[in-house]
Amino acid sequence: MATTNAIFRAVKIINSDAKFSISGNDLDSITWEDGASAISKSDIEAKLTQAQNELDAEAQAKIDNKTSAQNKLKALGLTDAEI
C-alpha cells in the first residue's frame, strides 16, 4: 500500500494546484477542496510508482549530500568527533 506522502506526490504530479485532504493512506478517503477537480483513483494509482521513485531519490540525495559534506570536512582535517 502506498504511503500518504506518495499519494500526495502522485496527485501533485497530475495536478500541481490540486487542493485535497486524505485520511491515512486510503485513496477512497480523498476529499477534494476549494473546487478542485476530482482525479480518479486509477489515475492516482498509475502515478504512485513515479511518486515513490521521486521520494526515494530525494531521500537518497539527502544522504549523499551529507556523506559528501562529511568527506569534505574530513579532507580538511576534521575528525569524526569534530564533525
Protein backbone atom coordinates (compact mmCIF):
# COMPACT_ATOMS: atom_id res chain seq x y z
CA MET A 1 0.00 0.00 0.00
CA ALA A 2 1.23 3.47 -0.85
CA THR A 3 2.31 5.96 1.79
CA THR A 4 0.45 9.19 2.33
CA ASN A 5 3.49 11.09 1.01
CA ALA A 6 3.46 9.05 -2.19
CA ILE A 7 -0.25 9.68 -2.66
CA PHE A 8 0.20 13.43 -2.16
CA ARG A 9 3.08 13.42 -4.64
CA ALA A 10 1.11 11.38 -7.20
CA VAL A 11 -1.79 13.84 -7.06
CA LYS A 12 0.59 16.78 -7.41
CA ILE A 13 2.24 15.13 -10.43
CA ILE A 14 -1.16 15.02 -12.09
CA ASN A 15 -2.33 18.47 -10.94
CA SER A 16 0.11 20.65 -9.04
CA ASP A 17 -2.69 23.01 -8.00
CA ALA A 18 -4.98 20.31 -6.56
CA LYS A 19 -6.27 21.01 -3.06
CA PHE A 20 -7.29 17.93 -1.11
CA SER A 21 -7.07 16.05 2.14
CA ILE A 22 -6.76 12.37 2.83
CA SER A 23 -7.30 10.16 5.83
CA GLY A 24 -4.38 7.81 6.35
CA ASN A 25 -3.27 6.28 3.09
CA ASP A 26 -6.74 5.37 1.81
CA LEU A 27 -7.32 6.66 -1.72
CA ASP A 28 -11.06 6.31 -1.18
CA SER A 29 -10.89 8.89 1.62
CA ILE A 30 -9.63 11.77 -0.53
CA THR A 31 -11.71 14.91 -0.12
CA TRP A 32 -11.28 17.45 -2.91
CA GLU A 33 -11.24 21.01 -1.60
CA ASP A 34 -11.73 24.54 -2.91
CA GLY A 35 -13.49 23.34 -6.04
CA ALA A 36 -10.59 21.14 -7.13
CA SER A 37 -11.49 18.73 -9.91
CA ALA A 38 -11.51 15.16 -8.68
CA ILE A 39 -8.78 12.90 -10.02
CA SER A 40 -9.75 9.28 -10.50
CA LYS A 41 -8.34 6.63 -8.20
CA SER A 42 -6.92 4.76 -11.21
CA ASP A 43 -5.08 7.88 -12.43
CA ILE A 44 -3.55 8.37 -8.99
CA GLU A 45 -2.57 4.70 -8.76
CA ALA A 46 -0.91 4.97 -12.18
CA LYS A 47 1.40 7.69 -10.81
CA LEU A 48 2.23 6.08 -7.46
CA THR A 49 5.39 4.34 -8.67
CA GLN A 50 6.75 7.55 -10.17
CA ALA A 51 5.86 9.43 -6.99
CA GLN A 52 7.58 6.87 -4.75
CA ASN A 53 10.65 6.87 -7.01
CA GLU A 54 10.88 10.66 -6.70
CA LEU A 55 10.56 10.49 -2.91
CA ASP A 56 13.22 7.76 -2.75
CA ALA A 57 15.56 9.80 -4.96
CA GLU A 58 15.12 12.86 -2.75
CA ALA A 59 15.86 10.83 0.38
CA GLN A 60 18.97 9.33 -1.24
CA ALA A 61 20.14 12.78 -2.35
CA LYS A 62 19.99 13.98 1.27
CA ILE A 63 22.09 11.00 2.36
CA ASP A 64 24.57 11.57 -0.47
CA ASN A 65 24.87 15.29 0.31
CA LYS A 66 25.52 14.59 3.99
CA THR A 67 28.16 12.00 3.14
CA SER A 68 29.81 14.39 0.69
CA ALA A 69 29.90 17.17 3.27
CA GLN A 70 31.38 14.85 5.89
CA ASN A 71 34.06 13.67 3.46
CA LYS A 72 34.97 17.28 2.61
CA LEU A 73 35.30 18.14 6.29
CA LYS A 74 37.49 15.07 6.84
CA ALA A 75 39.65 16.15 3.90
CA LEU A 76 40.15 19.46 5.71
CA GLY A 77 41.47 17.56 8.72
CA LEU A 78 38.45 17.34 10.97
CA THR A 79 37.86 14.14 12.88
CA ASP A 80 34.59 12.22 13.12
CA ALA A 81 34.15 13.57 16.65
CA GLU A 82 34.51 17.15 15.40
CA ILE A 83 32.01 16.62 12.60
